[in-house]
All heavy atoms as atom14 arrays in JSON, in Angstrom:
{
  "sequence": "DRVRRLVEICHDKGREAMMFLGDNWIGTEPYGELF",
  "atom14_mask": [
    [1, 1, 1, 1, 1, 1, 1, 1, 0, 0, 0, 0, 0, 0],
    [1, 1, 1, 1, 1, 1, 1, 1, 1, 1, 1, 0, 0, 0],
    [1, 1, 1, 1, 1, 1, 1, 0, 0, 0, 0, 0, 0, 0],
    [1, 1, 1, 1, 1, 1, 1, 1, 1, 1, 1, 0, 0, 0],
    [1, 1, 1, 1, 1, 1, 1, 1, 1, 1, 1, 0, 0, 0],
    [1, 1, 1, 1, 1, 1, 1, 1, 0, 0, 0, 0, 0, 0],
    [1, 1, 1, 1, 1, 1, 1, 0, 0, 0, 0, 0, 0, 0],
    [1, 1, 1, 1, 1, 1, 1, 1, 1, 0, 0, 0, 0, 0],
    [1, 1, 1, 1, 1, 1, 1, 1, 0, 0, 0, 0, 0, 0],
    [1, 1, 1, 1, 1, 1, 0, 0, 0, 0, 0, 0, 0, 0],
    [1, 1, 1, 1, 1, 1, 1, 1, 1, 1, 0, 0, 0, 0],
    [1, 1, 1, 1, 1, 1, 1, 1, 0, 0, 0, 0, 0, 0],
    [1, 1, 1, 1, 1, 1, 1, 1, 1, 0, 0, 0, 0, 0],
    [1, 1, 1, 1, 0, 0, 0, 0, 0, 0, 0, 0, 0, 0],
    [1, 1, 1, 1, 1, 1, 1, 1, 1, 1, 1, 0, 0, 0],
    [1, 1, 1, 1, 1, 1, 1, 1, 1, 0, 0, 0, 0, 0],
    [1, 1, 1, 1, 1, 0, 0, 0, 0, 0, 0, 0, 0, 0],
    [1, 1, 1, 1, 1, 1, 1, 1, 0, 0, 0, 0, 0, 0],
    [1, 1, 1, 1, 1, 1, 1, 1, 0, 0, 0, 0, 0, 0],
    [1, 1, 1, 1, 1, 1, 1, 1, 1, 1, 1, 0, 0, 0],
    [1, 1, 1, 1, 1, 1, 1, 1, 0, 0, 0, 0, 0, 0],
    [1, 1, 1, 1, 0, 0, 0, 0, 0, 0, 0, 0, 0, 0],
    [1, 1, 1, 1, 1, 1, 1, 1, 0, 0, 0, 0, 0, 0],
    [1, 1, 1, 1, 1, 1, 1, 1, 0, 0, 0, 0, 0, 0],
    [1, 1, 1, 1, 1, 1, 1, 1, 1, 1, 1, 1, 1, 1],
    [1, 1, 1, 1, 1, 1, 1, 1, 0, 0, 0, 0, 0, 0],
    [1, 1, 1, 1, 0, 0, 0, 0, 0, 0, 0, 0, 0, 0],
    [1, 1, 1, 1, 1, 1, 1, 0, 0, 0, 0, 0, 0, 0],
    [1, 1, 1, 1, 1, 1, 1, 1, 1, 0, 0, 0, 0, 0],
    [1, 1, 1, 1, 1, 1, 1, 0, 0, 0, 0, 0, 0, 0],
    [1, 1, 1, 1, 1, 1, 1, 1, 1, 1, 1, 1, 0, 0],
    [1, 1, 1, 1, 0, 0, 0, 0, 0, 0, 0, 0, 0, 0],
    [1, 1, 1, 1, 1, 1, 1, 1, 1, 0, 0, 0, 0, 0],
    [1, 1, 1, 1, 1, 1, 1, 1, 0, 0, 0, 0, 0, 0],
    [1, 1, 1, 1, 1, 1, 1, 1, 1, 1, 1, 0, 0, 0]
  ],
  "atom14_positions": [
    [[8.47, -11.15, -0.73], [8.64, -11.04, -2.18], [7.48, -10.26, -2.81], [7.69, -9.4, -3.68], [8.73, -12.42, -2.81], [10.06, -13.1, -2.56], [11.01, -12.39, -2.17], [10.16, -14.33, -2.75], [0.0, 0.0, 0.0], [0.0, 0.0, 0.0], [0.0, 0.0, 0.0], [0.0, 0.0, 0.0], [0.0, 0.0, 0.0], [0.0, 0.0, 0.0]],
    [[6.27, -10.55, -2.37], [5.11, -9.88, -2.95], [4.97, -8.44, -2.46], [4.58, -7.55, -3.23], [3.84, -10.7, -2.68], [3.67, -11.81, -3.73], [2.77, -12.92, -3.3], [2.37, -13.77, -4.41], [3.16, -14.51, -5.15], [4.46, -14.51, -4.93], [2.69, -15.27, -6.15], [0.0, 0.0, 0.0], [0.0, 0.0, 0.0], [0.0, 0.0, 0.0]],
    [[5.29, -8.2, -1.21], [5.27, -6.82, -0.7], [6.28, -5.97, -1.46], [6.0, -4.84, -1.86], [5.56, -6.79, 0.81], [5.8, -5.36, 1.28], [4.41, -7.41, 1.59], [0.0, 0.0, 0.0], [0.0, 0.0, 0.0], [0.0, 0.0, 0.0], [0.0, 0.0, 0.0], [0.0, 0.0, 0.0], [0.0, 0.0, 0.0], [0.0, 0.0, 0.0]],
    [[7.47, -6.53, -1.67], [8.52, -5.79, -2.39], [8.03, -5.36, -3.77], [8.29, -4.22, -4.2], [9.76, -6.67, -2.51], [10.96, -5.96, -3.12], [12.13, -6.91, -3.31], [12.57, -7.5, -2.07], [12.51, -8.8, -1.78], [11.99, -9.64, -2.67], [12.95, -9.25, -0.62], [0.0, 0.0, 0.0], [0.0, 0.0, 0.0], [0.0, 0.0, 0.0]],
    [[7.3, -6.22, -4.44], [6.79, -5.87, -5.77], [5.77, -4.76, -5.7], [5.79, -3.83, -6.53], [6.18, -7.13, -6.43], [5.57, -6.87, -7.79], [6.56, -6.28, -8.77], [5.92, -5.75, -9.96], [6.27, -4.63, -10.57], [7.3, -3.9, -10.12], [5.64, -4.23, -11.65], [0.0, 0.0, 0.0], [0.0, 0.0, 0.0], [0.0, 0.0, 0.0]],
    [[4.88, -4.78, -4.73], [3.88, -3.71, -4.6], [4.54, -2.39, -4.26], [4.12, -1.33, -4.76], [2.84, -4.09, -3.54], [2.01, -5.34, -3.83], [0.97, -5.55, -2.74], [1.33, -5.26, -5.2], [0.0, 0.0, 0.0], [0.0, 0.0, 0.0], [0.0, 0.0, 0.0], [0.0, 0.0, 0.0], [0.0, 0.0, 0.0], [0.0, 0.0, 0.0]],
    [[5.56, -2.43, -3.44], [6.29, -1.2, -3.1], [6.99, -0.65, -4.33], [7.01, 0.57, -4.57], [7.3, -1.47, -1.97], [8.2, -0.25, -1.75], [6.57, -1.81, -0.66], [0.0, 0.0, 0.0], [0.0, 0.0, 0.0], [0.0, 0.0, 0.0], [0.0, 0.0, 0.0], [0.0, 0.0, 0.0], [0.0, 0.0, 0.0], [0.0, 0.0, 0.0]],
    [[7.54, -1.53, -5.15], [8.19, -1.09, -6.39], [7.2, -0.36, -7.29], [7.53, 0.65, -7.91], [8.79, -2.29, -7.13], [10.03, -2.87, -6.48], [10.48, -4.15, -7.17], [9.73, -4.64, -8.05], [11.55, -4.66, -6.81], [0.0, 0.0, 0.0], [0.0, 0.0, 0.0], [0.0, 0.0, 0.0], [0.0, 0.0, 0.0], [0.0, 0.0, 0.0]],
    [[5.98, -0.89, -7.38], [4.96, -0.23, -8.2], [4.68, 1.17, -7.68], [4.57, 2.13, -8.46], [3.67, -1.08, -8.22], [3.91, -2.4, -8.96], [2.52, -0.31, -8.87], [2.76, -3.37, -8.88], [0.0, 0.0, 0.0], [0.0, 0.0, 0.0], [0.0, 0.0, 0.0], [0.0, 0.0, 0.0], [0.0, 0.0, 0.0], [0.0, 0.0, 0.0]],
    [[4.57, 1.31, -6.36], [4.34, 2.64, -5.77], [5.5, 3.58, -6.08], [5.29, 4.74, -6.48], [4.15, 2.52, -4.26], [2.65, 1.65, -3.76], [0.0, 0.0, 0.0], [0.0, 0.0, 0.0], [0.0, 0.0, 0.0], [0.0, 0.0, 0.0], [0.0, 0.0, 0.0], [0.0, 0.0, 0.0], [0.0, 0.0, 0.0], [0.0, 0.0, 0.0]],
    [[6.71, 3.1, -5.88], [7.88, 3.95, -6.11], [8.02, 4.33, -7.58], [8.41, 5.47, -7.9], [9.14, 3.24, -5.62], [9.24, 3.16, -4.13], [10.21, 2.43, -3.48], [8.48, 3.73, -3.16], [10.06, 2.56, -2.17], [9.02, 3.34, -1.96], [0.0, 0.0, 0.0], [0.0, 0.0, 0.0], [0.0, 0.0, 0.0], [0.0, 0.0, 0.0]],
    [[7.71, 3.41, -8.47], [7.78, 3.71, -9.9], [6.8, 4.81, -10.29], [7.02, 5.54, -11.27], [7.49, 2.46, -10.73], [8.62, 1.44, -10.66], [9.73, 1.82, -10.23], [8.39, 0.27, -11.04], [0.0, 0.0, 0.0], [0.0, 0.0, 0.0], [0.0, 0.0, 0.0], [0.0, 0.0, 0.0], [0.0, 0.0, 0.0], [0.0, 0.0, 0.0]],
    [[5.72, 4.93, -9.52], [4.71, 5.97, -9.77], [4.97, 7.23, -8.93], [4.13, 8.13, -8.89], [3.32, 5.43, -9.44], [2.91, 4.2, -10.24], [2.52, 4.53, -11.66], [1.98, 3.3, -12.39], [1.56, 3.6, -13.77], [0.0, 0.0, 0.0], [0.0, 0.0, 0.0], [0.0, 0.0, 0.0], [0.0, 0.0, 0.0], [0.0, 0.0, 0.0]],
    [[6.12, 7.26, -8.26], [6.48, 8.45, -7.49], [5.76, 8.59, -6.16], [5.62, 9.71, -5.64], [0.0, 0.0, 0.0], [0.0, 0.0, 0.0], [0.0, 0.0, 0.0], [0.0, 0.0, 0.0], [0.0, 0.0, 0.0], [0.0, 0.0, 0.0], [0.0, 0.0, 0.0], [0.0, 0.0, 0.0], [0.0, 0.0, 0.0], [0.0, 0.0, 0.0]],
    [[5.31, 7.47, -5.57], [4.59, 7.52, -4.29], [5.38, 6.8, -3.21], [6.2, 5.92, -3.49], [3.21, 6.86, -4.41], [2.48, 7.16, -5.7], [2.16, 8.63, -5.87], [1.61, 8.87, -7.19], [0.36, 8.63, -7.56], [-0.5, 8.15, -6.68], [-0.06, 8.88, -8.79], [0.0, 0.0, 0.0], [0.0, 0.0, 0.0], [0.0, 0.0, 0.0]],
    [[5.08, 7.16, -1.98], [5.62, 6.42, -0.84], [4.69, 5.25, -0.51], [3.51, 5.27, -0.85], [5.74, 7.32, 0.39], [6.79, 8.41, 0.27], [6.92, 9.21, 1.55], [6.49, 8.72, 2.62], [7.42, 10.35, 1.49], [0.0, 0.0, 0.0], [0.0, 0.0, 0.0], [0.0, 0.0, 0.0], [0.0, 0.0, 0.0], [0.0, 0.0, 0.0]],
    [[5.25, 4.25, 0.15], [4.47, 3.08, 0.57], [4.57, 2.93, 2.07], [5.68, 2.84, 2.63], [4.97, 1.82, -0.13], [0.0, 0.0, 0.0], [0.0, 0.0, 0.0], [0.0, 0.0, 0.0], [0.0, 0.0, 0.0], [0.0, 0.0, 0.0], [0.0, 0.0, 0.0], [0.0, 0.0, 0.0], [0.0, 0.0, 0.0], [0.0, 0.0, 0.0]],
    [[3.43, 2.9, 2.73], [3.36, 2.78, 4.18], [2.58, 1.53, 4.55], [1.57, 1.21, 3.93], [2.67, 4.03, 4.78], [2.3, 3.91, 6.25], [1.42, 5.37, 6.86], [2.8, 6.46, 7.16], [0.0, 0.0, 0.0], [0.0, 0.0, 0.0], [0.0, 0.0, 0.0], [0.0, 0.0, 0.0], [0.0, 0.0, 0.0], [0.0, 0.0, 0.0]],
    [[3.03, 0.84, 5.56], [2.35, -0.36, 6.04], [1.67, -0.08, 7.37], [2.26, 0.51, 8.27], [3.36, -1.5, 6.22], [2.86, -2.67, 7.04], [4.14, -3.9, 7.3], [3.63, -4.59, 8.87], [0.0, 0.0, 0.0], [0.0, 0.0, 0.0], [0.0, 0.0, 0.0], [0.0, 0.0, 0.0], [0.0, 0.0, 0.0], [0.0, 0.0, 0.0]],
    [[0.41, -0.5, 7.47], [-0.29, -0.45, 8.76], [0.04, -1.71, 9.53], [-0.14, -2.83, 9.04], [-1.8, -0.33, 8.54], [-2.59, -0.44, 9.81], [-2.38, 0.46, 10.85], [-3.54, -1.42, 9.98], [-3.11, 0.36, 12.03], [-4.28, -1.53, 11.15], [-4.06, -0.63, 12.19], [0.0, 0.0, 0.0], [0.0, 0.0, 0.0], [0.0, 0.0, 0.0]],
    [[0.55, -1.56, 10.73], [0.91, -2.71, 11.58], [-0.36, -3.24, 12.24], [-0.67, -2.93, 13.38], [1.94, -2.3, 12.63], [2.59, -3.45, 13.41], [3.46, -4.29, 12.49], [3.42, -2.91, 14.56], [0.0, 0.0, 0.0], [0.0, 0.0, 0.0], [0.0, 0.0, 0.0], [0.0, 0.0, 0.0], [0.0, 0.0, 0.0], [0.0, 0.0, 0.0]],
    [[-1.1, -4.04, 11.49], [-2.35, -4.59, 11.96], [-3.07, -5.27, 10.82], [-2.55, -5.39, 9.71], [0.0, 0.0, 0.0], [0.0, 0.0, 0.0], [0.0, 0.0, 0.0], [0.0, 0.0, 0.0], [0.0, 0.0, 0.0], [0.0, 0.0, 0.0], [0.0, 0.0, 0.0], [0.0, 0.0, 0.0], [0.0, 0.0, 0.0], [0.0, 0.0, 0.0]],
    [[-4.31, -5.71, 11.05], [-5.13, -6.37, 10.04], [-4.36, -7.53, 9.39], [-4.07, -8.52, 10.04], [-5.6, -5.36, 8.98], [-6.55, -4.31, 9.53], [-6.71, -4.26, 10.77], [-7.13, -3.56, 8.76], [0.0, 0.0, 0.0], [0.0, 0.0, 0.0], [0.0, 0.0, 0.0], [0.0, 0.0, 0.0], [0.0, 0.0, 0.0], [0.0, 0.0, 0.0]],
    [[-4.0, -7.39, 8.13], [-3.36, -8.48, 7.37], [-1.84, -8.35, 7.38], [-1.19, -8.44, 6.34], [-3.88, -8.48, 5.93], [-5.37, -8.7, 5.86], [-6.15, -7.9, 6.37], [-5.79, -9.78, 5.23], [0.0, 0.0, 0.0], [0.0, 0.0, 0.0], [0.0, 0.0, 0.0], [0.0, 0.0, 0.0], [0.0, 0.0, 0.0], [0.0, 0.0, 0.0]],
    [[-1.26, -8.19, 8.55], [0.18, -7.94, 8.64], [0.99, -9.23, 8.76], [2.23, -9.2, 8.68], [0.48, -7.04, 9.82], [0.44, -7.72, 11.17], [-0.67, -8.2, 11.82], [1.55, -7.98, 12.03], [-0.32, -8.74, 13.02], [1.04, -8.62, 13.19], [2.91, -7.72, 11.95], [1.84, -9.02, 14.25], [3.71, -8.12, 13.02], [3.18, -8.75, 14.15]],
    [[0.33, -10.38, 8.9], [1.05, -11.63, 9.12], [1.95, -11.95, 7.92], [1.54, -11.86, 6.77], [0.05, -12.77, 9.38], [-0.64, -12.55, 10.71], [0.74, -14.13, 9.36], [0.28, -12.43, 11.92], [0.0, 0.0, 0.0], [0.0, 0.0, 0.0], [0.0, 0.0, 0.0], [0.0, 0.0, 0.0], [0.0, 0.0, 0.0], [0.0, 0.0, 0.0]],
    [[3.17, -12.35, 8.24], [4.16, -12.67, 7.21], [5.14, -11.56, 6.95], [6.18, -11.79, 6.32], [0.0, 0.0, 0.0], [0.0, 0.0, 0.0], [0.0, 0.0, 0.0], [0.0, 0.0, 0.0], [0.0, 0.0, 0.0], [0.0, 0.0, 0.0], [0.0, 0.0, 0.0], [0.0, 0.0, 0.0], [0.0, 0.0, 0.0], [0.0, 0.0, 0.0]],
    [[4.84, -10.34, 7.41], [5.77, -9.24, 7.17], [6.95, -9.27, 8.13], [8.06, -8.87, 7.77], [5.07, -7.88, 7.27], [4.5, -7.73, 8.58], [3.98, -7.75, 6.23], [0.0, 0.0, 0.0], [0.0, 0.0, 0.0], [0.0, 0.0, 0.0], [0.0, 0.0, 0.0], [0.0, 0.0, 0.0], [0.0, 0.0, 0.0], [0.0, 0.0, 0.0]],
    [[6.73, -9.7, 9.36], [7.78, -9.81, 10.38], [8.68, -8.55, 10.41], [9.85, -8.6, 10.0], [8.62, -11.07, 10.15], [7.83, -12.36, 10.32], [7.27, -12.52, 11.73], [7.93, -12.1, 12.71], [6.15, -13.06, 11.85], [0.0, 0.0, 0.0], [0.0, 0.0, 0.0], [0.0, 0.0, 0.0], [0.0, 0.0, 0.0], [0.0, 0.0, 0.0]],
    [[8.16, -7.43, 10.91], [8.91, -6.17, 10.86], [10.27, -6.19, 11.55], [11.13, -5.36, 11.23], [7.96, -5.19, 11.55], [6.61, -5.77, 11.37], [6.81, -7.24, 11.44], [0.0, 0.0, 0.0], [0.0, 0.0, 0.0], [0.0, 0.0, 0.0], [0.0, 0.0, 0.0], [0.0, 0.0, 0.0], [0.0, 0.0, 0.0], [0.0, 0.0, 0.0]],
    [[10.47, -7.11, 12.5], [11.77, -7.19, 13.15], [12.63, -8.32, 12.58], [13.68, -8.65, 13.13], [11.6, -7.36, 14.67], [11.21, -6.07, 15.35], [9.88, -5.7, 15.48], [12.18, -5.2, 15.84], [9.52, -4.51, 16.09], [11.84, -4.01, 16.44], [10.5, -3.66, 16.56], [10.15, -2.47, 17.15], [0.0, 0.0, 0.0], [0.0, 0.0, 0.0]],
    [[12.18, -8.89, 11.48], [12.95, -9.94, 10.83], [14.0, -9.39, 9.89], [14.03, -8.2, 9.57], [0.0, 0.0, 0.0], [0.0, 0.0, 0.0], [0.0, 0.0, 0.0], [0.0, 0.0, 0.0], [0.0, 0.0, 0.0], [0.0, 0.0, 0.0], [0.0, 0.0, 0.0], [0.0, 0.0, 0.0], [0.0, 0.0, 0.0], [0.0, 0.0, 0.0]],
    [[14.87, -10.27, 9.42], [15.99, -9.87, 8.58], [15.54, -9.37, 7.21], [16.25, -8.59, 6.57], [16.95, -11.04, 8.41], [17.64, -11.48, 9.7], [18.57, -12.65, 9.48], [18.64, -13.14, 8.33], [19.23, -13.08, 10.44], [0.0, 0.0, 0.0], [0.0, 0.0, 0.0], [0.0, 0.0, 0.0], [0.0, 0.0, 0.0], [0.0, 0.0, 0.0]],
    [[14.37, -9.8, 6.73], [13.96, -9.47, 5.37], [13.15, -8.18, 5.26], [12.95, -7.69, 4.15], [13.13, -10.63, 4.79], [13.82, -11.98, 4.67], [12.85, -13.02, 4.12], [15.04, -11.87, 3.77], [0.0, 0.0, 0.0], [0.0, 0.0, 0.0], [0.0, 0.0, 0.0], [0.0, 0.0, 0.0], [0.0, 0.0, 0.0], [0.0, 0.0, 0.0]],
    [[12.68, -7.65, 6.37], [11.72, -6.55, 6.29], [12.28, -5.35, 5.55], [11.59, -4.74, 4.71], [11.27, -6.13, 7.7], [10.17, -5.11, 7.69], [8.89, -5.45, 7.29], [10.41, -3.8, 8.07], [7.86, -4.52, 7.27], [9.4, -2.86, 8.06], [8.12, -3.22, 7.66], [0.0, 0.0, 0.0], [0.0, 0.0, 0.0], [0.0, 0.0, 0.0]]
  ]
}
């Protein structure tokens, strides 16, 4: 839910959003249904 909001802010400003698979990645679950 919180990642989605940050991505929306980036997109609203005309930017892409990229995630680094490391560091504070816990909870994103890239192979999960919600990613």
